[in-house]
PDB file of N, CA and C in Angstrom:
ATOM      1  N   MET A   1       8.111  -8.148  -5.284  1.00  0.00           N
ATOM      2  CA  MET A   1       8.654  -6.931  -4.707  1.00  0.00           C
ATOM      3  C   MET A   1       7.628  -6.228  -3.814  1.00  0.00           C
ATOM      4  N   ILE A   2       6.364  -6.176  -4.247  1.00  0.00           N
ATOM      5  CA  ILE A   2       5.360  -5.462  -3.446  1.00  0.00           C
ATOM      6  C   ILE A   2       5.207  -6.110  -2.072  1.00  0.00           C
ATOM      7  N   GLY A   3       5.361  -7.425  -2.009  1.00  0.00           N
ATOM      8  CA  GLY A   3       5.252  -8.103  -0.725  1.00  0.00           C
ATOM      9  C   GLY A   3       6.303  -7.627   0.265  1.00  0.00           C
ATOM     10  N   LYS A   4       7.536  -7.444  -0.212  1.00  0.00           N
ATOM     11  CA  LYS A   4       8.618  -6.955   0.650  1.00  0.00           C
ATOM     12  C   LYS A   4       8.353  -5.524   1.102  1.00  0.00           C
ATOM     13  N   ILE A   5       7.811  -4.717   0.199  1.00  0.00           N
ATOM     14  CA  ILE A   5       7.492  -3.327   0.548  1.00  0.00           C
ATOM     15  C   ILE A   5       6.417  -3.290   1.625  1.00  0.00           C
ATOM     16  N   LEU A   6       5.368  -4.080   1.446  1.00  0.00           N
ATOM     17  CA  LEU A   6       4.273  -4.117   2.434  1.00  0.00           C
ATOM     18  C   LEU A   6       4.790  -4.572   3.798  1.00  0.00           C
ATOM     19  N   LYS A   7       5.596  -5.614   3.796  1.00  0.00           N
ATOM     20  CA  LYS A   7       6.137  -6.150   5.051  1.00  0.00           C
ATOM     21  C   LYS A   7       7.040  -5.120   5.724  1.00  0.00           C
ATOM     22  N   THR A   8       7.864  -4.425   4.944  1.00  0.00           N
ATOM     23  CA  THR A   8       8.755  -3.401   5.491  1.00  0.00           C
ATOM     24  C   THR A   8       7.957  -2.265   6.116  1.00  0.00           C
ATOM     25  N   MET A   9       6.925  -1.794   5.412  1.00  0.00           N
ATOM     26  CA  MET A   9       6.090  -0.716   5.968  1.00  0.00           C
ATOM     27  C   MET A   9       5.456  -1.162   7.284  1.00  0.00           C
ATOM     28  N   ARG A  10       4.947  -2.385   7.296  1.00  0.00           N
ATOM     29  CA  ARG A  10       4.293  -2.902   8.504  1.00  0.00           C
ATOM     30  C   ARG A  10       5.286  -2.986   9.660  1.00  0.00           C
ATOM     31  N   ARG A  11       6.450  -3.544   9.397  1.00  0.00           N
ATOM     32  CA  ARG A  11       7.456  -3.721  10.458  1.00  0.00           C
ATOM     33  C   ARG A  11       8.016  -2.389  10.953  1.00  0.00           C
ATOM     34  N   GLU A  12       8.192  -1.419  10.044  1.00  0.00           N
ATOM     35  CA  GLU A  12       8.680  -0.104  10.465  1.00  0.00           C
ATOM     36  C   GLU A  12       7.752   0.548  11.480  1.00  0.00           C
ATOM     37  N   ASN A  13       6.484   0.201  11.423  1.00  0.00           N
ATOM     38  CA  ASN A  13       5.492   0.750  12.347  1.00  0.00           C
ATOM     39  C   ASN A  13       5.236  -0.165  13.539  1.00  0.00           C
ATOM     40  N   ASN A  14       6.019  -1.232  13.620  1.00  0.00           N
ATOM     41  CA  ASN A  14       5.867  -2.220  14.697  1.00  0.00           C
ATOM     42  C   ASN A  14       4.461  -2.792  14.763  1.00  0.00           C
ATOM     43  N   PHE A  15       3.846  -2.977  13.587  1.00  0.00           N
ATOM     44  CA  PHE A  15       2.520  -3.585  13.514  1.00  0.00           C
ATOM     45  C   PHE A  15       2.669  -5.082  13.295  1.00  0.00           C
ATOM     46  N   THR A  16       1.888  -5.843  14.026  1.00  0.00           N
ATOM     47  CA  THR A  16       1.734  -7.249  13.681  1.00  0.00           C
ATOM     48  C   THR A  16       0.759  -7.304  12.504  1.00  0.00           C
ATOM     49  N   GLN A  17       0.690  -8.441  11.867  1.00  0.00           N
ATOM     50  CA  GLN A  17      -0.311  -8.584  10.802  1.00  0.00           C
ATOM     51  C   GLN A  17      -1.710  -8.409  11.374  1.00  0.00           C
ATOM     52  N   GLU A  18      -1.918  -8.891  12.586  1.00  0.00           N
ATOM     53  CA  GLU A  18      -3.235  -8.751  13.219  1.00  0.00           C
ATOM     54  C   GLU A  18      -3.587  -7.285  13.441  1.00  0.00           C
ATOM     55  N   LYS A  19      -2.634  -6.491  13.911  1.00  0.00           N
ATOM     56  CA  LYS A  19      -2.894  -5.070  14.165  1.00  0.00           C
ATOM     57  C   LYS A  19      -3.157  -4.335  12.852  1.00  0.00           C
ATOM     58  N   LEU A  20      -2.358  -4.608  11.827  1.00  0.00           N
ATOM     59  CA  LEU A  20      -2.575  -3.963  10.534  1.00  0.00           C
ATOM     60  C   LEU A  20      -3.913  -4.376   9.942  1.00  0.00           C
ATOM     61  N   ALA A  21      -4.278  -5.617  10.117  1.00  0.00           N
ATOM     62  CA  ALA A  21      -5.579  -6.090   9.634  1.00  0.00           C
ATOM     63  C   ALA A  21      -6.713  -5.319  10.310  1.00  0.00           C
ATOM     64  N   GLU A  22      -6.580  -5.115  11.599  1.00  0.00           N
ATOM     65  CA  GLU A  22      -7.582  -4.368  12.366  1.00  0.00           C
ATOM     66  C   GLU A  22      -7.690  -2.919  11.869  1.00  0.00           C
ATOM     67  N   LEU A  23      -6.558  -2.299  11.583  1.00  0.00           N
ATOM     68  CA  LEU A  23      -6.541  -0.898  11.169  1.00  0.00           C
ATOM     69  C   LEU A  23      -7.008  -0.684   9.733  1.00  0.00           C
ATOM     70  N   THR A  24      -6.810  -1.692   8.881  1.00  0.00           N
ATOM     71  CA  THR A  24      -7.150  -1.546   7.456  1.00  0.00           C
ATOM     72  C   THR A  24      -8.432  -2.269   7.060  1.00  0.00           C
ATOM     73  N   TYR A  25      -8.965  -3.078   7.958  1.00  0.00           N
ATOM     74  CA  TYR A  25     -10.138  -3.899   7.651  1.00  0.00           C
ATOM     75  C   TYR A  25      -9.861  -4.879   6.511  1.00  0.00           C
ATOM     76  N   ILE A  26      -8.611  -5.343   6.450  1.00  0.00           N
ATOM     77  CA  ILE A  26      -8.199  -6.395   5.520  1.00  0.00           C
ATOM     78  C   ILE A  26      -7.860  -7.604   6.381  1.00  0.00           C
ATOM     79  N   GLY A  27      -8.311  -8.770   6.014  1.00  0.00           N
ATOM     80  CA  GLY A  27      -8.072  -9.964   6.815  1.00  0.00           C
ATOM     81  C   GLY A  27      -6.594 -10.251   7.043  1.00  0.00           C
ATOM     82  N   ARG A  28      -6.262 -10.772   8.224  1.00  0.00           N
ATOM     83  CA  ARG A  28      -4.872 -11.070   8.551  1.00  0.00           C
ATOM     84  C   ARG A  28      -4.278 -12.073   7.580  1.00  0.00           C
ATOM     85  N   SER A  29      -5.031 -13.099   7.233  1.00  0.00           N
ATOM     86  CA  SER A  29      -4.497 -14.104   6.309  1.00  0.00           C
ATOM     87  C   SER A  29      -4.309 -13.515   4.909  1.00  0.00           C
ATOM     88  N   THR A  30      -5.158 -12.561   4.547  1.00  0.00           N
ATOM     89  CA  THR A  30      -5.000 -11.887   3.256  1.00  0.00           C
ATOM     90  C   THR A  30      -3.725 -11.055   3.258  1.00  0.00           C
ATOM     91  N   LEU A  31      -3.461 -10.329   4.355  1.00  0.00           N
ATOM     92  CA  LEU A  31      -2.218  -9.561   4.465  1.00  0.00           C
ATOM     93  C   LEU A  31      -1.004 -10.480   4.346  1.00  0.00           C
ATOM     94  N   SER A  32      -1.074 -11.610   5.006  1.00  0.00           N
ATOM     95  CA  SER A  32       0.011 -12.582   4.925  1.00  0.00           C
ATOM     96  C   SER A  32       0.217 -13.044   3.483  1.00  0.00           C
ATOM     97  N   ASP A  33      -0.880 -13.318   2.801  1.00  0.00           N
ATOM     98  CA  ASP A  33      -0.798 -13.742   1.397  1.00  0.00           C
ATOM     99  C   ASP A  33      -0.205 -12.643   0.521  1.00  0.00           C
ATOM    100  N   TYR A  34      -0.552 -11.390   0.786  1.00  0.00           N
ATOM    101  CA  TYR A  34       0.031 -10.274   0.034  1.00  0.00           C
ATOM    102  C   TYR A  34       1.545 -10.227   0.249  1.00  0.00           C
ATOM    103  N   GLU A  35       1.964 -10.351   1.486  1.00  0.00           N
ATOM    104  CA  GLU A  35       3.382 -10.269   1.809  1.00  0.00           C
ATOM    105  C   GLU A  35       4.173 -11.426   1.204  1.00  0.00           C
ATOM    106  N   ARG A  36       3.551 -12.587   1.096  1.00  0.00           N
ATOM    107  CA  ARG A  36       4.229 -13.762   0.545  1.00  0.00           C
ATOM    108  C   ARG A  36       3.960 -13.939  -0.946  1.00  0.00           C
ATOM    109  N   LEU A  37       3.274 -12.948  -1.552  1.00  0.00           N
ATOM    110  CA  LEU A  37       2.943 -12.957  -2.980  1.00  0.00           C
ATOM    111  C   LEU A  37       2.091 -14.158  -3.381  1.00  0.00           C
ATOM    112  N   LYS A  38       1.264 -14.611  -2.450  1.00  0.00           N
ATOM    113  CA  LYS A  38       0.358 -15.732  -2.728  1.00  0.00           C
ATOM    114  C   LYS A  38      -0.949 -15.237  -3.337  1.00  0.00           C
ATOM    115  N   THR A  39      -1.248 -13.954  -3.132  1.00  0.00           N
ATOM    116  CA  THR A  39      -2.473 -13.329  -3.632  1.00  0.00           C
ATOM    117  C   THR A  39      -2.115 -11.979  -4.226  1.00  0.00           C
ATOM    118  N   ASP A  40      -2.710 -11.662  -5.371  1.00  0.00           N
ATOM    119  CA  ASP A  40      -2.503 -10.339  -5.955  1.00  0.00           C
ATOM    120  C   ASP A  40      -3.243  -9.296  -5.128  1.00  0.00           C
ATOM    121  N   ILE A  41      -2.630  -8.142  -5.001  1.00  0.00           N
ATOM    122  CA  ILE A  41      -3.230  -7.051  -4.232  1.00  0.00           C
ATOM    123  C   ILE A  41      -3.738  -5.983  -5.197  1.00  0.00           C
ATOM    124  N   ASN A  42      -4.887  -5.410  -4.883  1.00  0.00           N
ATOM    125  CA  ASN A  42      -5.402  -4.324  -5.728  1.00  0.00           C
ATOM    126  C   ASN A  42      -4.854  -2.984  -5.237  1.00  0.00           C
ATOM    127  N   PHE A  43      -4.948  -1.990  -6.093  1.00  0.00           N
ATOM    128  CA  PHE A  43      -4.369  -0.683  -5.786  1.00  0.00           C
ATOM    129  C   PHE A  43      -4.997  -0.066  -4.539  1.00  0.00           C
ATOM    130  N   GLU A  44      -6.292  -0.224  -4.375  1.00  0.00           N
ATOM    131  CA  GLU A  44      -6.966   0.371  -3.215  1.00  0.00           C
ATOM    132  C   GLU A  44      -6.413  -0.178  -1.906  1.00  0.00           C
ATOM    133  N   ASN A  45      -6.095  -1.461  -1.862  1.00  0.00           N
ATOM    134  CA  ASN A  45      -5.532  -2.027  -0.634  1.00  0.00           C
ATOM    135  C   ASN A  45      -4.079  -1.597  -0.427  1.00  0.00           C
ATOM    136  N   ILE A  46      -3.327  -1.437  -1.528  1.00  0.00           N
ATOM    137  CA  ILE A  46      -1.970  -0.900  -1.401  1.00  0.00           C
ATOM    138  C   ILE A  46      -2.048   0.489  -0.777  1.00  0.00           C
ATOM    139  N   GLU A  47      -2.952   1.298  -1.306  1.00  0.00           N
ATOM    140  CA  GLU A  47      -3.121   2.665  -0.823  1.00  0.00           C
ATOM    141  C   GLU A  47      -3.561   2.686   0.650  1.00  0.00           C
ATOM    142  N   LYS A  48      -4.464   1.796   1.009  1.00  0.00           N
ATOM    143  CA  LYS A  48      -4.968   1.727   2.385  1.00  0.00           C
ATOM    144  C   LYS A  48      -3.851   1.349   3.362  1.00  0.00           C
ATOM    145  N   ILE A  49      -3.067   0.349   3.003  1.00  0.00           N
ATOM    146  CA  ILE A  49      -1.956  -0.082   3.858  1.00  0.00           C
ATOM    147  C   ILE A  49      -0.915   1.035   3.972  1.00  0.00           C
ATOM    148  N   ALA A  50      -0.588   1.645   2.839  1.00  0.00           N
ATOM    149  CA  ALA A  50       0.387   2.738   2.841  1.00  0.00           C
ATOM    150  C   ALA A  50      -0.071   3.874   3.745  1.00  0.00           C
ATOM    151  N   GLU A  51      -1.316   4.251   3.634  1.00  0.00           N
ATOM    152  CA  GLU A  51      -1.868   5.357   4.436  1.00  0.00           C
ATOM    153  C   GLU A  51      -1.761   5.054   5.926  1.00  0.00           C
ATOM    154  N   VAL A  52      -2.160   3.865   6.331  1.00  0.00           N
ATOM    155  CA  VAL A  52      -2.109   3.482   7.749  1.00  0.00           C
ATOM    156  C   VAL A  52      -0.661   3.455   8.250  1.00  0.00           C
ATOM    157  N   CYS A  53       0.269   3.113   7.366  1.00  0.00           N
ATOM    158  CA  CYS A  53       1.684   3.033   7.744  1.00  0.00           C
ATOM    159  C   CYS A  53       2.416   4.361   7.575  1.00  0.00           C
ATOM    160  N   GLY A  54       1.693   5.407   7.178  1.00  0.00           N
ATOM    161  CA  GLY A  54       2.301   6.722   7.079  1.00  0.00           C
ATOM    162  C   GLY A  54       2.994   6.997   5.752  1.00  0.00           C
ATOM    163  N   TYR A  55       2.648   6.243   4.731  1.00  0.00           N
ATOM    164  CA  TYR A  55       3.226   6.432   3.400  1.00  0.00           C
ATOM    165  C   TYR A  55       2.164   6.917   2.434  1.00  0.00           C
ATOM    166  N   GLU A  56       2.638   7.394   1.291  1.00  0.00           N
ATOM    167  CA  GLU A  56       1.757   7.812   0.214  1.00  0.00           C
ATOM    168  C   GLU A  56       2.251   7.147  -1.071  1.00  0.00           C
ATOM    169  N   VAL A  57       1.341   6.650  -1.867  1.00  0.00           N
ATOM    170  CA  VAL A  57       1.708   6.047  -3.142  1.00  0.00           C
ATOM    171  C   VAL A  57       1.975   7.181  -4.132  1.00  0.00           C
ATOM    172  N   VAL A  58       3.171   7.174  -4.726  1.00  0.00           N
ATOM    173  CA  VAL A  58       3.607   8.260  -5.597  1.00  0.00           C
ATOM    174  C   VAL A  58       4.125   7.680  -6.914  1.00  0.00           C
ATOM    175  N   PHE A  59       3.752   8.328  -8.004  1.00  0.00           N
ATOM    176  CA  PHE A  59       4.258   7.962  -9.321  1.00  0.00           C
ATOM    177  C   PHE A  59       5.104   9.124  -9.826  1.00  0.00           C
ATOM    178  N   ILE A  60       6.366   8.842 -10.151  1.00  0.00           N
ATOM    179  CA  ILE A  60       7.291   9.873 -10.629  1.00  0.00           C
ATOM    180  C   ILE A  60       7.628   9.569 -12.086  1.00  0.00           C
ATOM    181  N   ASN A  61       7.466  10.555 -12.929  1.00  0.00           N
ATOM    182  CA  ASN A  61       7.772  10.424 -14.347  1.00  0.00           C
ATOM    183  C   ASN A  61       9.278  10.245 -14.519  1.00  0.00           C
ATOM    184  N   LYS A  62       9.690   9.187 -15.216  1.00  0.00           N
ATOM    185  CA  LYS A  62      11.115   8.901 -15.401  1.00  0.00           C
ATOM    186  C   LYS A  62      11.821   9.992 -16.208  1.00  0.00           C
ATOM    187  N   LYS A  63      11.123  10.571 -17.172  1.00  0.00           N
ATOM    188  CA  LYS A  63      11.740  11.574 -18.036  1.00  0.00           C
ATOM    189  C   LYS A  63      11.753  12.961 -17.399  1.00  0.00           C
ATOM    190  N   ASP A  64      10.763  13.236 -16.585  1.00  0.00           N
ATOM    191  CA  ASP A  64      10.654  14.547 -15.941  1.00  0.00           C
ATOM    192  C   ASP A  64      10.319  14.337 -14.472  1.00  0.00           C
ATOM    193  N   LYS A  65      11.335  14.309 -13.649  1.00  0.00           N
ATOM    194  CA  LYS A  65      11.174  14.022 -12.211  1.00  0.00           C
ATOM    195  C   LYS A  65      10.264  15.020 -11.497  1.00  0.00           C
ATOM    196  N   ASN A  66       9.999  16.157 -12.138  1.00  0.00           N
ATOM    197  CA  ASN A  66       9.095  17.146 -11.548  1.00  0.00           C
ATOM    198  C   ASN A  66       7.631  16.782 -11.737  1.00  0.00           C
ATOM    199  N   LYS A  67       7.351  15.821 -12.605  1.00  0.00           N
ATOM    200  CA  LYS A  67       5.978  15.365 -12.807  1.00  0.00           C
ATOM    201  C   LYS A  67       5.696  14.230 -11.827  1.00  0.00           C
ATOM    202  N   VAL A  68       4.881  14.533 -10.854  1.00  0.00           N
ATOM    203  CA  VAL A  68       4.562  13.579  -9.799  1.00  0.00           C
ATOM    204  C   VAL A  68       3.053  13.447  -9.690  1.00  0.00           C
ATOM    205  N   LEU A  69       2.586  12.208  -9.679  1.00  0.00           N
ATOM    206  CA  LEU A  69       1.162  11.950  -9.495  1.00  0.00           C
ATOM    207  C   LEU A  69       0.946  11.163  -8.213  1.00  0.00           C
ATOM    208  N   THR A  70      -0.055  11.575  -7.484  1.00  0.00           N
ATOM    209  CA  THR A  70      -0.502  10.819  -6.317  1.00  0.00           C
ATOM    210  C   THR A  70      -2.016  10.771  -6.382  1.00  0.00           C
ATOM    211  N   THR A  71      -2.592   9.956  -5.558  1.00  0.00           N
ATOM    212  CA  THR A  71      -4.058   9.903  -5.530  1.00  0.00           C
ATOM    213  C   THR A  71      -4.638  11.181  -4.920  1.00  0.00           C
ATOM    214  N   LYS A  72      -3.789  11.966  -4.309  1.00  0.00           N
ATOM    215  CA  LYS A  72      -4.258  13.195  -3.684  1.00  0.00           C
ATOM    216  C   LYS A  72      -4.157  14.398  -4.618  1.00  0.00           C
ATOM    217  N   ASN A  73      -3.340  14.305  -5.690  1.00  0.00           N
ATOM    218  CA  ASN A  73      -3.218  15.461  -6.562  1.00  0.00           C
ATOM    219  C   ASN A  73      -3.830  15.247  -7.954  1.00  0.00           C
ATOM    220  N   ILE A  74      -4.577  14.172  -8.120  1.00  0.00           N
ATOM    221  CA  ILE A  74      -5.323  13.987  -9.351  1.00  0.00           C
ATOM    222  C   ILE A  74      -6.792  13.798  -9.027  1.00  0.00           C
ATOM    223  N   GLU A  75      -7.621  14.122  -9.965  1.00  0.00           N
ATOM    224  CA  GLU A  75      -9.063  13.943  -9.778  1.00  0.00           C
ATOM    225  C   GLU A  75      -9.434  12.545 -10.220  1.00  0.00           C
ATOM    226  N   ARG A  76     -10.066  11.809  -9.343  1.00  0.00           N
ATOM    227  CA  ARG A  76     -10.514  10.455  -9.679  1.00  0.00           C
ATOM    228  C   ARG A  76     -11.877  10.522 -10.321  1.00  0.00           C
ATOM    229  N   LYS A  77     -12.042   9.764 -11.379  1.00  0.00           N
ATOM    230  CA  LYS A  77     -13.336   9.661 -12.046  1.00  0.00           C
ATOM    231  C   LYS A  77     -13.713   8.197 -12.132  1.00  0.00           C
ATOM    232  N   GLU A  78     -14.925   7.916 -11.814  1.00  0.00           N
ATOM    233  CA  GLU A  78     -15.419   6.533 -11.888  1.00  0.00           C
ATOM    234  C   GLU A  78     -15.567   6.145 -13.351  1.00  0.00           C
ATOM    235  N   ILE A  79     -15.174   4.937 -13.660  1.00  0.00           N
ATOM    236  CA  ILE A  79     -15.281   4.447 -15.038  1.00  0.00           C
ATOM    237  C   ILE A  79     -16.562   3.659 -15.175  1.00  0.00           C
TER     238      ILE A  79
END
């Protein structure tokens, strides 16, 4: 599913894989592998691609739709 989401975001912005690779500093072949689910993607790269494509990664609580977490509204702590 994540591969389809990544491809949709890229296409909505009329980015080729090469252009998105240039903007995110992720290799073109790696982007292709993400889209085809040949390689697992880490959260930081999901966030990077989303940001360049004008999206934000959002987590919505199923029980309370008013509880929303994003990387912008929580404090990150290094583990």
